[in-house]
Each structure stands twice: as structure tokens, then as C-alpha cells.
Amino acid sequence: MHVLVTGCAGFIGSHLCERLIADGHRVVGIDAFRDYYPRPDKELNLTQLALEDKFDMVEADLVDVDLAPLVRDADVVYHLAAQAGVRKSFGAFDEYTADNLVATQRVFAAALEHGCRRVVWASSSSVYGDAEQYPTIEDVTPTMPRSPYGVTKRACEDLAGIYRGLGLSEVGLRYFTVYGPRQRPDMAMRKLCEALYGGDVFPLYGDGGQSRDFTYVADAVDATVRCGETERPLPLYNVGGGEEATMSHVIATLEDLAGREIPLERHDVQRGDVRRTCADTTRARETLGWSPTTGVREGLKQELAWVSALRTSPVG
């Protein structure tokens, strides 16, 4: 099978490409190398892929690239490219509109025009905001995003509905706090691991009681692949790790794994941050045969080992 992966040099995208190639598919990846975080980090993500005969890389911007030659031969498009980050979205909404809304609309339109079998694309748990009840359930829990980023992802879900009505087979994934090796440097777990190995003091926003449904990257990738391969997937899935944990618990677990304390600097809660996320994944279990397999402690162990190796290597 020929597939196209947007955002291929990113955290989830690079893992997804490796999984697809391991499954025997030919992959074309596209990435714009936005300066949201350093280009060398993304190039490092592509280290293994650069050695693969079944992987081709295209550096281009989805907002203006000619998508026809990229989509025409693709059986499935995995659209992960986006401008991420809740807090930054308050000051750069024009970037988020272009990279999330405009880019996604162009991918949907091109896939429909050229007869692509399916588009699997990344939404976000941020569409839920601070829910009134937990766990949050697709098509049941109201979506009330609290950040411009969340608004763009919610709007992408509306776009998906429009193109689905026109005949496009598409599946949206509401990822819940994905973590693991190659996690973006702005994410909390990555920063915590870095702080353990001589990085910056970790800024803890709030009292540490805020909790997240943490999802290990290999589990997120597995759900994503299943959405591309399942004959009749539903239009929307929660992808959560099945183990909710507070920031205080994550900090204590990492300190226990590393045998040292994390230097903390306490701050007030930031705008856009929600108190809790918790996914109901019944739909994914019942229709995709998917369930997460990596718990928080094991996942943190893997990310901590990756950060340790990164900081001690000649290129780290």
C-alpha cells in the first residue's frame, strides 16, 4: 500500500512512518519544518527513516504545495501536520488558522478529488475543554475548547463532516497527551526528563493536582494505523492511554525512576490549561479492536532513557 504522512518529521509522525514501513507499506512523508521547535530535533527524528528504501521525504508547506501529485498515488493519507501548543495559540492565531484549518481543508479537498481511499487525521482532546463529566465520550460529551488551538481542531472536525458528506472516507482521532521518545521539547514530560539531567528548572503550573490521560506514542500509532486499515471505521475516536495521572504523580514517578529530585519552580495556572482529561475509549475497543498496552510508569521509563541517551550522545 502507498501512504502519505503529513507532519512526518514530528513526534507522532516519525513513529507512524516507521510503523507503516515495518508493516510493508511505501511511505511518502511531507513536513514544513516549522520553527515551533528546532529543526535538528526533527532531523534526528528522521534518522532511521533516512535509511529506508520505502520512504521518500518532501519538504513543503501544506498551505501552498501542489497536493495532487502527492495524493494521487496514496491509498491512505495520515494527516498529522499541525501547529501544536495550547498556550502559544493565544498570540499566534493566524499561524494556527493557516497550519490547522487551511492545511486540513486542502488535504480533504485533494483526497476527495483524487479518489484517496481514506484520510486519517489528528484532532485533539483539547476540543473537550473542561468537561462537566468524565470520562469524555465521542458524540456525547459537549465540546467546549478553552484555547484558540482547541478551536481550530474543533473547526477541523466540522470540515471533516462536510467532506464526509461529499463522499470522503475520513477518521478523526482525539489524541490525549501523547508522550514517549521524541516528544516535543515544549511538552511537560520531556521538560521533566530534561530537568533530571541538568536541563532547565521545571515550571510547574498550578498545584500539581491537574491530571491527564497520558497515552504512550506506540499505542497512539497503533490506533492510527488501525483507523487506516479497518474496513468501516467510525468518523471519530478518542485515543487515550487508559491511565489517568496527576502531574504530582508523574513527577514522583520520574524521581523514583531516576533516583534524584526534579528542580521545580511554581507558577500560577496558565490560560487555556484544563484541570483534567480522561478518555472513554469504548468505541475504539469495540470497532477497532484497539486498547492501550503501555502504562504510565513503563512509558516514562522509556522516555527518560531516551532523554538520557540524547543528552549524553555526541549530538545530544
Protein backbone atom coordinates (compact mmCIF):
# COMPACT_ATOMS: atom_id res chain seq x y z
CA MET A 1 0.00 0.00 0.00
CA HIS A 2 1.15 3.55 -0.75
CA VAL A 3 0.54 6.08 2.02
CA LEU A 4 1.16 9.78 2.57
CA VAL A 5 2.04 11.03 6.05
CA THR A 6 1.92 14.76 6.74
CA GLY A 7 4.00 16.00 9.64
CA CYS A 8 6.33 13.05 9.11
CA ALA A 9 9.27 14.63 10.93
CA GLY A 10 7.26 15.31 14.06
CA PHE A 11 6.91 13.27 17.22
CA ILE A 12 3.98 11.02 16.35
CA GLY A 13 4.53 11.32 12.59
CA SER A 14 8.02 9.86 12.61
CA HIS A 15 6.93 6.91 14.76
CA LEU A 16 3.95 6.35 12.46
CA CYS A 17 6.16 6.29 9.36
CA GLU A 18 8.44 3.69 10.92
CA ARG A 19 5.47 1.52 11.87
CA LEU A 20 3.96 1.74 8.38
CA ILE A 21 7.25 0.79 6.73
CA ALA A 22 7.68 -2.10 9.16
CA ASP A 23 4.22 -3.25 8.08
CA GLY A 24 5.42 -3.33 4.46
CA HIS A 25 3.97 -0.09 3.08
CA ARG A 26 5.64 2.52 0.91
CA VAL A 27 5.56 5.92 2.60
CA VAL A 28 5.85 9.45 1.29
CA GLY A 29 6.32 11.94 4.11
CA ILE A 30 5.83 15.68 3.97
CA ASP A 31 6.92 18.24 6.55
CA ALA A 32 7.35 22.02 6.52
CA PHE A 33 9.90 22.06 9.38
CA ARG A 34 8.13 24.88 11.20
CA ASP A 35 10.32 26.71 13.72
CA TYR A 36 7.99 25.80 16.61
CA TYR A 37 10.94 23.77 17.81
CA PRO A 38 14.49 23.38 16.43
CA ARG A 39 14.95 21.76 13.04
CA PRO A 40 17.78 19.50 14.31
CA ASP A 41 15.27 17.81 16.63
CA LYS A 42 13.07 16.91 13.69
CA GLU A 43 16.01 15.81 11.56
CA LEU A 44 17.02 13.49 14.39
CA ASN A 45 13.50 12.02 14.32
CA LEU A 46 14.12 11.05 10.69
CA THR A 47 17.41 9.23 11.33
CA GLN A 48 16.03 5.73 10.87
CA LEU A 49 13.66 6.70 8.07
CA ALA A 50 16.51 8.16 6.04
CA LEU A 51 17.92 4.64 5.75
CA GLU A 52 14.69 3.15 4.41
CA ASP A 53 14.24 2.46 0.69
CA LYS A 54 10.46 2.63 1.11
CA PHE A 55 10.47 6.17 2.47
CA ASP A 56 10.57 9.39 0.44
CA MET A 57 10.73 12.81 2.05
CA VAL A 58 9.16 16.02 0.70
CA GLU A 59 9.86 19.33 2.41
CA ALA A 60 6.89 21.58 1.66
CA ASP A 61 4.09 23.62 3.23
CA LEU A 62 0.60 22.13 3.03
CA VAL A 63 -0.87 25.61 2.78
CA ASP A 64 0.51 26.19 -0.73
CA VAL A 65 2.09 22.99 -2.08
CA ASP A 66 0.52 21.26 -5.07
CA LEU A 67 -1.04 18.27 -3.33
CA ALA A 68 -2.21 16.48 -6.47
CA PRO A 69 1.00 14.51 -7.19
CA LEU A 70 1.32 13.58 -3.52
CA VAL A 71 -2.26 12.42 -3.00
CA ARG A 72 -2.89 10.89 -6.41
CA ASP A 73 -1.00 7.65 -5.69
CA ALA A 74 -1.84 7.41 -1.99
CA ASP A 75 -4.25 4.75 -0.77
CA VAL A 76 -4.39 6.39 2.66
CA VAL A 77 -3.40 9.84 3.86
CA TYR A 78 -2.39 10.14 7.51
CA HIS A 79 -2.69 13.85 8.20
CA LEU A 80 -0.80 14.70 11.41
CA ALA A 81 0.74 18.03 10.43
CA ALA A 82 -0.50 20.90 12.60
CA GLN A 83 0.59 23.86 14.66
CA ALA A 84 0.53 22.49 18.19
CA GLY A 85 0.54 24.16 21.59
CA VAL A 86 -2.32 25.48 23.71
CA ARG A 87 -0.55 28.44 25.31
CA LYS A 88 1.20 29.78 22.22
CA SER A 89 -2.07 29.77 20.27
CA PHE A 90 -3.30 32.84 22.17
CA GLY A 91 -0.69 35.00 20.49
CA ALA A 92 -0.42 33.47 17.04
CA PHE A 93 -3.91 32.63 15.88
CA ASP A 94 -3.15 33.48 12.25
CA GLU A 95 -0.49 30.73 12.21
CA TYR A 96 -2.87 28.22 13.79
CA THR A 97 -5.62 29.09 11.34
CA ALA A 98 -3.31 28.54 8.36
CA ASP A 99 -1.50 25.43 9.58
CA ASN A 100 -4.51 23.70 11.10
CA LEU A 101 -7.65 24.86 9.30
CA VAL A 102 -6.43 25.85 5.84
CA ALA A 103 -3.98 22.97 5.55
CA THR A 104 -6.56 20.41 6.67
CA GLN A 105 -9.18 21.73 4.24
CA ARG A 106 -6.69 21.44 1.40
CA VAL A 107 -5.83 17.85 2.36
CA PHE A 108 -9.50 16.87 2.49
CA ALA A 109 -10.24 18.54 -0.85
CA ALA A 110 -7.27 16.93 -2.61
CA ALA A 111 -8.05 13.49 -1.20
CA LEU A 112 -11.66 13.73 -2.35
CA GLU A 113 -10.72 14.97 -5.81
CA HIS A 114 -8.18 12.24 -6.44
CA GLY A 115 -10.13 9.31 -5.03
CA CYS A 116 -8.00 8.59 -1.97
CA ARG A 117 -9.47 5.63 -0.10
CA ARG A 118 -9.25 7.27 3.33
CA VAL A 119 -7.88 10.19 5.32
CA VAL A 120 -6.95 9.60 8.96
CA TRP A 121 -6.28 12.90 10.70
CA ALA A 122 -5.31 14.26 14.10
CA SER A 123 -7.83 16.11 16.19
CA SER A 124 -7.17 16.66 19.91
CA SER A 125 -8.60 16.13 23.38
CA SER A 126 -8.40 19.94 23.61
CA VAL A 127 -11.78 20.11 21.87
CA TYR A 128 -13.43 18.98 25.13
CA GLY A 129 -12.08 21.78 27.32
CA ASP A 130 -13.12 21.43 30.95
CA ALA A 131 -15.85 18.82 30.64
CA GLU A 132 -18.77 18.65 33.04
CA GLN A 133 -18.46 14.87 33.36
CA TYR A 134 -15.69 12.30 32.88
CA PRO A 135 -14.67 10.24 31.06
CA THR A 136 -15.39 12.19 27.90
CA ILE A 137 -17.28 10.30 25.20
CA GLU A 138 -17.36 10.97 21.45
CA ASP A 139 -20.70 12.36 20.25
CA VAL A 140 -21.93 12.58 23.86
CA THR A 141 -19.68 14.97 25.77
CA PRO A 142 -20.12 18.58 24.58
CA THR A 143 -17.02 20.14 23.02
CA MET A 144 -16.04 23.39 24.73
CA PRO A 145 -12.42 24.25 23.82
CA ARG A 146 -10.64 26.73 26.06
CA SER A 147 -7.86 27.79 23.70
CA PRO A 148 -7.54 29.05 20.11
CA TYR A 149 -5.69 25.82 19.35
CA GLY A 150 -8.66 23.80 20.56
CA VAL A 151 -10.97 25.97 18.48
CA THR A 152 -9.02 25.20 15.30
CA LYS A 153 -9.15 21.47 16.00
CA ARG A 154 -12.88 21.64 16.69
CA ALA A 155 -13.37 23.53 13.42
CA CYS A 156 -11.40 20.82 11.59
CA GLU A 157 -13.93 18.31 12.86
CA ASP A 158 -16.67 20.40 11.23
CA LEU A 159 -14.68 20.48 8.00
CA ALA A 160 -14.33 16.71 8.16
CA GLY A 161 -18.08 16.38 8.45
CA ILE A 162 -18.57 18.47 5.33
CA TYR A 163 -16.18 16.38 3.25
CA ARG A 164 -17.58 13.16 4.67
CA GLY A 165 -20.94 14.30 3.36
CA LEU A 166 -19.36 14.73 -0.06
CA GLY A 167 -18.16 11.13 -0.06
CA LEU A 168 -14.71 11.26 1.58
CA SER A 169 -13.89 8.41 3.96
CA GLU A 170 -12.15 10.11 6.87
CA VAL A 171 -11.43 9.37 10.52
CA GLY A 172 -10.54 11.94 13.19
CA LEU A 173 -8.51 10.99 16.26
CA ARG A 174 -8.80 12.92 19.50
CA TYR A 175 -5.33 12.22 20.92
CA PHE A 176 -4.95 12.54 24.69
CA THR A 177 -1.50 13.82 25.80
CA VAL A 178 0.77 11.57 23.79
CA TYR A 179 4.25 11.08 25.26
CA GLY A 180 7.35 8.93 24.82
CA PRO A 181 10.68 9.07 22.95
CA ARG A 182 10.92 12.04 20.53
CA GLN A 183 8.27 14.04 22.38
CA ARG A 184 8.33 17.73 21.51
CA PRO A 185 10.69 19.77 23.71
CA ASP A 186 7.87 22.06 24.88
CA MET A 187 5.85 19.19 26.41
CA ALA A 188 5.80 18.70 30.19
CA MET A 189 7.11 15.14 30.34
CA ARG A 190 10.04 15.98 28.07
CA LYS A 191 10.86 19.03 30.19
CA LEU A 192 10.68 16.98 33.37
CA CYS A 193 13.09 14.41 31.96
CA GLU A 194 15.42 17.15 30.78
CA ALA A 195 15.36 18.75 34.25
CA LEU A 196 16.54 15.47 35.76
CA TYR A 197 19.63 15.53 33.56
CA GLY A 198 20.79 19.09 34.04
CA GLY A 199 18.24 20.91 31.92
CA ASP A 200 16.22 23.94 32.97
CA VAL A 201 14.27 24.03 36.20
CA PHE A 202 10.79 22.65 35.52
CA PRO A 203 7.99 25.25 35.66
CA LEU A 204 5.05 23.64 37.48
CA TYR A 205 1.86 25.49 36.66
CA GLY A 206 -0.82 25.07 39.31
CA ASP A 207 -0.78 22.83 42.37
CA GLY A 208 0.25 19.59 40.67
CA GLY A 209 -3.22 18.12 41.08
CA GLN A 210 -4.14 18.64 37.43
CA SER A 211 -4.43 15.29 35.70
CA ARG A 212 -4.13 13.94 32.19
CA ASP A 213 -4.99 10.75 30.36
CA PHE A 214 -1.45 10.03 29.20
CA THR A 215 -1.06 7.99 26.00
CA TYR A 216 2.18 6.27 25.06
CA VAL A 217 3.24 7.02 21.50
CA ALA A 218 3.29 3.39 20.29
CA ASP A 219 -0.31 2.99 21.46
CA ALA A 220 -1.35 6.19 19.67
CA VAL A 221 0.36 4.98 16.50
CA ASP A 222 -1.36 1.60 16.70
CA ALA A 223 -4.78 3.24 16.92
CA THR A 224 -3.89 5.47 13.98
CA VAL A 225 -2.82 2.56 11.77
CA ARG A 226 -5.96 0.62 12.65
CA CYS A 227 -8.09 3.55 11.51
CA GLY A 228 -6.42 3.38 8.11
CA GLU A 229 -6.88 -0.36 7.76
CA THR A 230 -10.30 -1.07 9.32
CA GLU A 231 -12.95 -1.56 6.67
CA ARG A 232 -15.69 0.56 8.24
CA PRO A 233 -14.29 2.80 10.99
CA LEU A 234 -16.45 5.40 12.70
CA PRO A 235 -15.75 9.07 11.96
CA LEU A 236 -14.24 9.97 15.35
CA TYR A 237 -12.27 8.22 18.10
CA ASN A 238 -10.83 9.09 21.48
CA VAL A 239 -7.26 7.82 21.77
CA GLY A 240 -6.38 7.74 25.45
CA GLY A 241 -3.83 5.75 27.40
CA GLY A 242 -6.28 4.31 29.92
CA GLU A 243 -4.30 5.53 32.94
CA GLU A 244 -5.05 8.99 34.28
CA ALA A 245 -2.31 10.57 36.40
CA THR A 246 -1.69 13.88 38.12
CA MET A 247 1.38 15.97 37.47
CA SER A 248 2.47 15.30 41.05
CA HIS A 249 2.31 11.56 40.38
CA VAL A 250 4.32 11.92 37.15
CA ILE A 251 6.96 13.96 38.96
CA ALA A 252 7.21 11.42 41.81
CA THR A 253 7.43 8.51 39.35
CA LEU A 254 10.23 10.11 37.34
CA GLU A 255 12.14 10.98 40.51
CA ASP A 256 11.80 7.37 41.65
CA LEU A 257 12.99 6.05 38.27
CA ALA A 258 15.97 8.42 38.15
CA GLY A 259 16.88 8.32 41.83
CA ARG A 260 17.04 12.10 42.11
CA GLU A 261 14.77 15.09 42.61
CA ILE A 262 13.44 17.36 39.88
CA PRO A 263 14.12 21.07 40.49
CA LEU A 264 10.74 22.82 40.39
CA GLU A 265 9.62 26.41 40.01
CA ARG A 266 5.98 27.01 40.84
CA HIS A 267 3.71 29.25 38.79
CA ASP A 268 0.03 30.11 38.55
CA VAL A 269 -2.22 28.11 36.23
CA GLN A 270 -1.83 29.24 32.61
CA ARG A 271 -4.73 30.36 30.46
CA GLY A 272 -6.11 27.62 28.26
CA ASP A 273 -4.94 24.81 30.55
CA VAL A 274 -7.66 22.40 31.64
CA ARG A 275 -7.85 20.73 35.03
CA ARG A 276 -8.41 17.21 33.80
CA THR A 277 -8.63 14.97 30.73
CA CYS A 278 -9.97 11.43 30.74
CA ALA A 279 -10.99 9.47 27.65
CA ASP A 280 -13.68 6.87 27.22
CA THR A 281 -12.15 4.52 24.63
CA THR A 282 -15.02 2.05 24.40
CA ARG A 283 -15.62 2.96 20.76
CA ALA A 284 -12.02 2.21 19.75
CA ARG A 285 -12.00 -1.08 21.65
CA GLU A 286 -15.25 -2.27 20.12
CA THR A 287 -14.79 -1.19 16.49
CA LEU A 288 -11.01 -1.12 16.01
CA GLY A 289 -10.03 -3.91 18.39
CA TRP A 290 -7.63 -1.40 19.96
CA SER A 291 -6.62 -0.84 23.54
CA PRO A 292 -3.53 0.76 25.07
CA THR A 293 -0.83 -1.57 26.32
CA THR A 294 1.80 0.68 27.94
CA GLY A 295 1.21 2.07 31.41
CA VAL A 296 2.49 5.42 32.65
CA ARG A 297 5.43 4.11 34.65
CA GLU A 298 6.77 1.99 31.78
CA GLY A 299 6.17 4.80 29.29
CA LEU A 300 8.00 7.29 31.49
CA LYS A 301 10.88 4.82 31.83
CA GLN A 302 11.19 4.69 28.04
CA GLU A 303 11.09 8.47 27.60
CA LEU A 304 13.56 9.02 30.44
CA ALA A 305 16.01 6.56 28.85
CA TRP A 306 15.67 8.34 25.50
CA VAL A 307 16.32 11.78 27.02
CA SER A 308 19.31 10.41 28.95
CA ALA A 309 20.81 8.96 25.76
CA LEU A 310 20.08 12.16 23.86
CA ARG A 311 21.84 14.38 26.41
CA THR A 312 24.90 12.13 26.70
CA SER A 313 25.40 11.41 23.00
CA PRO A 314 27.87 13.44 20.91
CA VAL A 315 24.94 15.02 19.02
CA GLY A 316 22.71 15.48 22.11
